[in-house]
Amino acid sequence: MGGSGTLISVYPEELTFLFELEKPCYCNLKVVNNSEHHVAFKVKTTSPRKYFVRPNASIVQPWDSCTITITLQAQKDYPPDMQCKDKFLIQSTKVAASTDMDEIPPDTPHAAIHGYITCAQFNKEADKVIEEMKLKVVYTLPSCGGSDDSSVSSLGSRSFKAASDDLMMLKNASLEEIQTIQRLKEERDNMLQQNQQMQRELDVLRRRRSRKGDAGFSLTFAAFAGLIGLMVGLLMSLIFSSAPADA
């Protein structure tokens, strides 16, 4: 789902970053020109020091599109309750068909390109129509998977607030309390291992019982087949023994 205006559409309408401490996060934004005009756009944010936007300004040809890569720089701390108040603003306006990014030298720095588009296209003219589209930022935590023990809860499966509370408790705990927590954790891990061992033993017993049931069925079938063969043999011997007497 994306935001849509007269000139451009933007997908998605929320910038979602998979937030990890001390790692840069990336999000792609697609700008689609919905018109038959050349459209210039530029991107603004309330936190320019936190994000890299490339390109932060460009011109999109009629019915064409442009992909913007937004990088959240590595952060040292989690935001409170994982809520982000940063906002992005995308401004767009029609430009003359002769205006094209090809006119700008390829080695021109991004800052210079942004200045060129800003000065040339987004000047405050009375008859200039500038559309604006606002996007909010959402942070998400990576999910923790790959563990065989579904009963062990992880930081990724809990809310961030609960994880923060746990960290604060550990920080303020005494050495004796930390040792107690470690001992309880070891006991929990031992119980989980014993539970897994019992589960494996139950599986082995089930397989053995299944094989015994198959073997019992096979012996019964063989005995039944042997009984039928014996009866057929007796019947054939009676028939052949009575034939000479009749002759």
Protein backbone atom coordinates (compact mmCIF):
# COMPACT_ATOMS: atom_id res chain seq x y z
CA MET A 1 0.00 0.00 0.00
CA GLY A 2 1.28 3.46 -0.78
CA GLY A 3 0.43 7.13 -0.80
CA SER A 4 -0.85 8.65 -4.01
CA GLY A 5 -1.07 12.22 -5.27
CA THR A 6 -1.85 13.95 -8.53
CA LEU A 7 1.73 13.83 -9.74
CA ILE A 8 3.39 10.91 -7.97
CA SER A 9 2.64 7.80 -5.94
CA VAL A 10 4.93 6.56 -3.20
CA TYR A 11 5.30 2.93 -2.11
CA PRO A 12 5.18 2.04 0.72
CA GLU A 13 3.47 4.81 2.67
CA GLU A 14 5.39 3.90 5.84
CA LEU A 15 9.15 3.56 6.11
CA THR A 16 9.78 0.34 8.02
CA PHE A 17 13.26 -0.35 9.35
CA LEU A 18 14.39 -3.63 10.87
CA PHE A 19 16.09 -2.05 13.86
CA GLU A 20 19.32 -3.55 15.22
CA LEU A 21 21.74 -1.87 17.57
CA GLU A 22 25.01 -0.63 16.08
CA LYS A 23 24.00 -1.74 12.59
CA PRO A 24 22.77 0.39 9.68
CA CYS A 25 19.22 -0.35 8.50
CA TYR A 26 17.86 0.09 4.99
CA CYS A 27 14.50 0.82 3.43
CA ASN A 28 13.63 1.30 -0.24
CA LEU A 29 11.04 3.82 -1.36
CA LYS A 30 9.57 3.81 -4.86
CA VAL A 31 8.40 7.06 -6.45
CA VAL A 32 6.11 6.61 -9.48
CA ASN A 33 5.25 9.44 -11.86
CA ASN A 34 1.50 9.24 -12.50
CA SER A 35 1.40 12.03 -15.05
CA GLU A 36 2.41 12.86 -18.58
CA HIS A 37 4.72 15.58 -17.28
CA HIS A 38 8.29 15.55 -16.08
CA VAL A 39 8.17 15.69 -12.28
CA ALA A 40 10.93 16.81 -9.94
CA PHE A 41 10.93 15.64 -6.34
CA LYS A 42 13.03 16.13 -3.24
CA VAL A 43 13.04 14.36 0.11
CA LYS A 44 13.19 16.05 3.51
CA THR A 45 13.32 14.54 6.99
CA THR A 46 12.96 15.83 10.53
CA SER A 47 16.19 14.00 11.49
CA PRO A 48 18.69 14.60 8.68
CA ARG A 49 21.64 13.45 10.80
CA LYS A 50 20.16 9.99 11.32
CA TYR A 51 19.39 9.13 7.70
CA PHE A 52 21.14 8.95 4.34
CA VAL A 53 18.80 9.43 1.40
CA ARG A 54 20.02 8.51 -2.10
CA PRO A 55 18.91 10.14 -4.26
CA ASN A 56 17.42 12.86 -2.10
CA ALA A 57 16.28 14.75 -5.21
CA SER A 58 15.70 13.79 -8.82
CA ILE A 59 13.50 14.19 -11.89
CA VAL A 60 11.19 11.39 -13.03
CA GLN A 61 10.07 11.19 -16.64
CA PRO A 62 6.38 10.67 -17.53
CA TRP A 63 5.00 7.31 -16.34
CA ASP A 64 8.45 6.33 -15.10
CA SER A 65 9.61 5.53 -11.58
CA CYS A 66 12.59 6.04 -9.29
CA THR A 67 13.82 3.99 -6.32
CA ILE A 68 15.14 5.80 -3.27
CA THR A 69 17.33 4.04 -0.73
CA ILE A 70 17.03 5.40 2.81
CA THR A 71 19.66 4.31 5.32
CA LEU A 72 19.18 4.60 9.05
CA GLN A 73 22.65 5.03 10.51
CA ALA A 74 23.81 2.68 13.25
CA GLN A 75 22.21 3.57 16.57
CA LYS A 76 23.68 2.93 20.02
CA ASP A 77 20.39 2.90 21.94
CA TYR A 78 16.84 1.69 21.46
CA PRO A 79 14.22 4.43 21.26
CA PRO A 80 11.68 4.46 24.13
CA ASP A 81 9.14 1.66 23.56
CA MET A 82 10.49 1.32 20.00
CA GLN A 83 8.42 4.32 18.96
CA CYS A 84 9.90 6.61 16.31
CA LYS A 85 8.75 10.19 15.89
CA ASP A 86 10.80 10.88 12.75
CA LYS A 87 8.91 12.03 9.66
CA PHE A 88 9.73 12.28 5.97
CA LEU A 89 8.34 14.80 3.51
CA ILE A 90 8.40 14.33 -0.26
CA GLN A 91 7.75 17.41 -2.35
CA SER A 92 6.99 17.14 -6.06
CA THR A 93 6.26 19.59 -8.86
CA LYS A 94 5.96 19.65 -12.62
CA VAL A 95 8.98 20.78 -14.63
CA ALA A 96 9.56 21.57 -18.27
CA ALA A 97 10.10 18.64 -20.63
CA SER A 98 13.52 20.02 -21.51
CA THR A 99 14.59 19.66 -17.89
CA ASP A 100 16.37 16.38 -17.43
CA MET A 101 18.90 14.86 -15.08
CA ASP A 102 21.06 14.15 -18.14
CA GLU A 103 21.90 17.85 -18.19
CA ILE A 104 23.75 17.47 -14.89
CA PRO A 105 27.32 16.08 -15.15
CA PRO A 106 27.53 12.48 -13.84
CA ASP A 107 30.27 13.34 -11.34
CA THR A 108 28.20 16.07 -9.69
CA PRO A 109 27.90 15.45 -5.91
CA HIS A 110 24.47 14.61 -4.48
CA ALA A 111 24.44 17.85 -2.51
CA ALA A 112 24.96 19.84 -5.70
CA ILE A 113 22.22 17.92 -7.51
CA HIS A 114 19.87 18.58 -4.61
CA GLY A 115 20.75 22.26 -4.74
CA TYR A 116 20.22 22.38 -8.50
CA ILE A 117 16.76 20.84 -8.30
CA THR A 118 15.80 22.87 -5.25
CA CYS A 119 16.86 26.19 -6.73
CA ALA A 120 15.62 25.53 -10.24
CA GLN A 121 12.34 23.75 -9.58
CA PHE A 122 11.11 24.43 -6.04
CA ASN A 123 11.47 28.21 -5.93
CA LYS A 124 8.50 29.95 -4.38
CA GLU A 125 6.74 31.15 -7.47
CA ALA A 126 3.16 32.31 -7.17
CA ASP A 127 1.90 29.96 -9.86
CA LYS A 128 4.09 27.01 -8.84
CA VAL A 129 2.10 24.02 -7.58
CA ILE A 130 4.06 21.91 -5.13
CA GLU A 131 2.55 18.70 -3.84
CA GLU A 132 3.64 17.35 -0.47
CA MET A 133 3.40 13.83 0.89
CA LYS A 134 4.27 12.91 4.48
CA LEU A 135 5.62 9.51 5.54
CA LYS A 136 6.11 8.21 9.05
CA VAL A 137 8.86 5.89 10.25
CA VAL A 138 8.25 2.53 11.94
CA TYR A 139 10.89 0.45 13.75
CA THR A 140 10.53 -3.31 14.08
CA LEU A 141 12.65 -5.88 15.92
CA PRO A 142 14.09 -8.91 14.08
CA SER A 143 12.28 -12.12 14.94
CA CYS A 144 14.34 -14.79 16.70
CA GLY A 145 13.88 -18.21 15.10
CA GLY A 146 15.78 -21.47 14.65
CA SER A 147 15.38 -22.80 18.21
CA ASP A 148 14.03 -26.32 18.68
CA ASP A 149 12.71 -25.47 22.13
CA SER A 150 9.48 -23.56 21.61
CA SER A 151 9.06 -23.04 25.35
CA VAL A 152 12.18 -20.87 25.66
CA SER A 153 11.14 -17.27 25.19
CA SER A 154 13.51 -14.84 23.48
CA LEU A 155 13.99 -11.12 23.28
CA GLY A 156 12.54 -11.02 19.80
CA SER A 157 9.31 -12.73 20.84
CA ARG A 158 8.72 -10.42 23.78
CA SER A 159 7.75 -6.80 23.73
CA PHE A 160 10.59 -4.34 23.85
CA LYS A 161 9.31 -2.85 27.09
CA ALA A 162 9.43 -6.22 28.85
CA ALA A 163 12.97 -6.80 27.58
CA SER A 164 14.03 -3.38 28.81
CA ASP A 165 12.54 -4.08 32.23
CA ASP A 166 14.49 -7.36 32.43
CA LEU A 167 17.72 -5.58 31.56
CA MET A 168 17.09 -2.94 34.21
CA MET A 169 16.40 -5.64 36.82
CA LEU A 170 19.66 -7.39 36.00
CA LYS A 171 21.52 -4.11 36.12
CA ASN A 172 20.22 -3.28 39.59
CA ALA A 173 20.47 -6.82 40.98
CA SER A 174 23.07 -7.87 43.52
CA LEU A 175 25.70 -10.55 42.91
CA GLU A 176 23.71 -13.09 44.96
CA GLU A 177 20.55 -12.41 42.95
CA ILE A 178 22.43 -12.77 39.67
CA GLN A 179 23.87 -16.11 40.83
CA THR A 180 20.38 -17.26 41.79
CA ILE A 181 19.03 -16.30 38.38
CA GLN A 182 21.89 -18.17 36.71
CA ARG A 183 21.23 -21.27 38.83
CA LEU A 184 17.53 -21.21 37.99
CA LYS A 185 18.39 -20.87 34.32
CA GLU A 186 20.68 -23.90 34.49
CA GLU A 187 17.96 -25.91 36.24
CA ARG A 188 15.48 -24.90 33.58
CA ASP A 189 17.89 -25.95 30.82
CA ASN A 190 18.45 -29.33 32.54
CA MET A 191 14.72 -29.90 32.82
CA LEU A 192 14.30 -29.08 29.14
CA GLN A 193 17.05 -31.54 28.23
CA GLN A 194 15.43 -34.25 30.35
CA ASN A 195 12.10 -33.55 28.73
CA GLN A 196 13.63 -33.87 25.28
CA GLN A 197 15.35 -37.13 26.30
CA MET A 198 12.05 -38.57 27.57
CA GLN A 199 10.37 -37.55 24.34
CA ARG A 200 13.03 -39.37 22.31
CA GLU A 201 12.63 -42.51 24.47
CA LEU A 202 8.86 -42.43 23.97
CA ASP A 203 9.35 -42.22 20.22
CA VAL A 204 11.64 -45.27 20.34
CA LEU A 205 9.04 -47.24 22.34
CA ARG A 206 6.33 -46.30 19.87
CA ARG A 207 8.42 -47.49 16.95
CA ARG A 208 9.22 -50.78 18.72
CA ARG A 209 5.55 -51.36 19.51
CA SER A 210 4.68 -50.67 15.91
CA ARG A 211 7.25 -53.20 14.68
CA LYS A 212 6.01 -55.83 17.18
CA GLY A 213 2.46 -55.32 15.98
CA ASP A 214 3.56 -55.86 12.39
CA ALA A 215 5.49 -59.01 13.37
CA GLY A 216 2.48 -60.41 15.29
CA PHE A 217 0.27 -59.84 12.27
CA SER A 218 2.79 -61.61 10.02
CA LEU A 219 2.95 -64.70 12.29
CA THR A 220 -0.84 -64.90 12.49
CA PHE A 221 -1.16 -64.62 8.74
CA ALA A 222 1.50 -67.35 8.24
CA ALA A 223 -0.26 -69.70 10.68
CA PHE A 224 -3.58 -69.12 9.00
CA ALA A 225 -2.07 -69.77 5.56
CA GLY A 226 -0.40 -72.95 6.84
CA LEU A 227 -3.70 -74.22 8.25
CA ILE A 228 -5.42 -73.66 4.94
CA GLY A 229 -2.60 -75.46 3.12
CA LEU A 230 -2.85 -78.43 5.50
CA MET A 231 -6.61 -78.67 4.94
CA VAL A 232 -6.16 -78.51 1.18
CA GLY A 233 -3.49 -81.24 1.40
CA LEU A 234 -5.76 -83.54 3.43
CA LEU A 235 -8.60 -82.95 0.99
CA MET A 236 -6.40 -83.79 -2.00
CA SER A 237 -5.09 -86.96 -0.31
CA LEU A 238 -8.64 -88.11 0.41
CA ILE A 239 -9.62 -87.54 -3.22
CA PHE A 240 -6.66 -89.45 -4.62
CA SER A 241 -7.03 -92.30 -2.08
CA SER A 242 -10.70 -92.82 -2.92
CA ALA A 243 -10.16 -92.88 -6.69
CA PRO A 244 -8.56 -96.44 -6.97
CA ALA A 245 -11.24 -97.92 -4.71
CA ASP A 246 -13.97 -96.71 -7.05
CA ALA A 247 -12.09 -98.19 -10.02
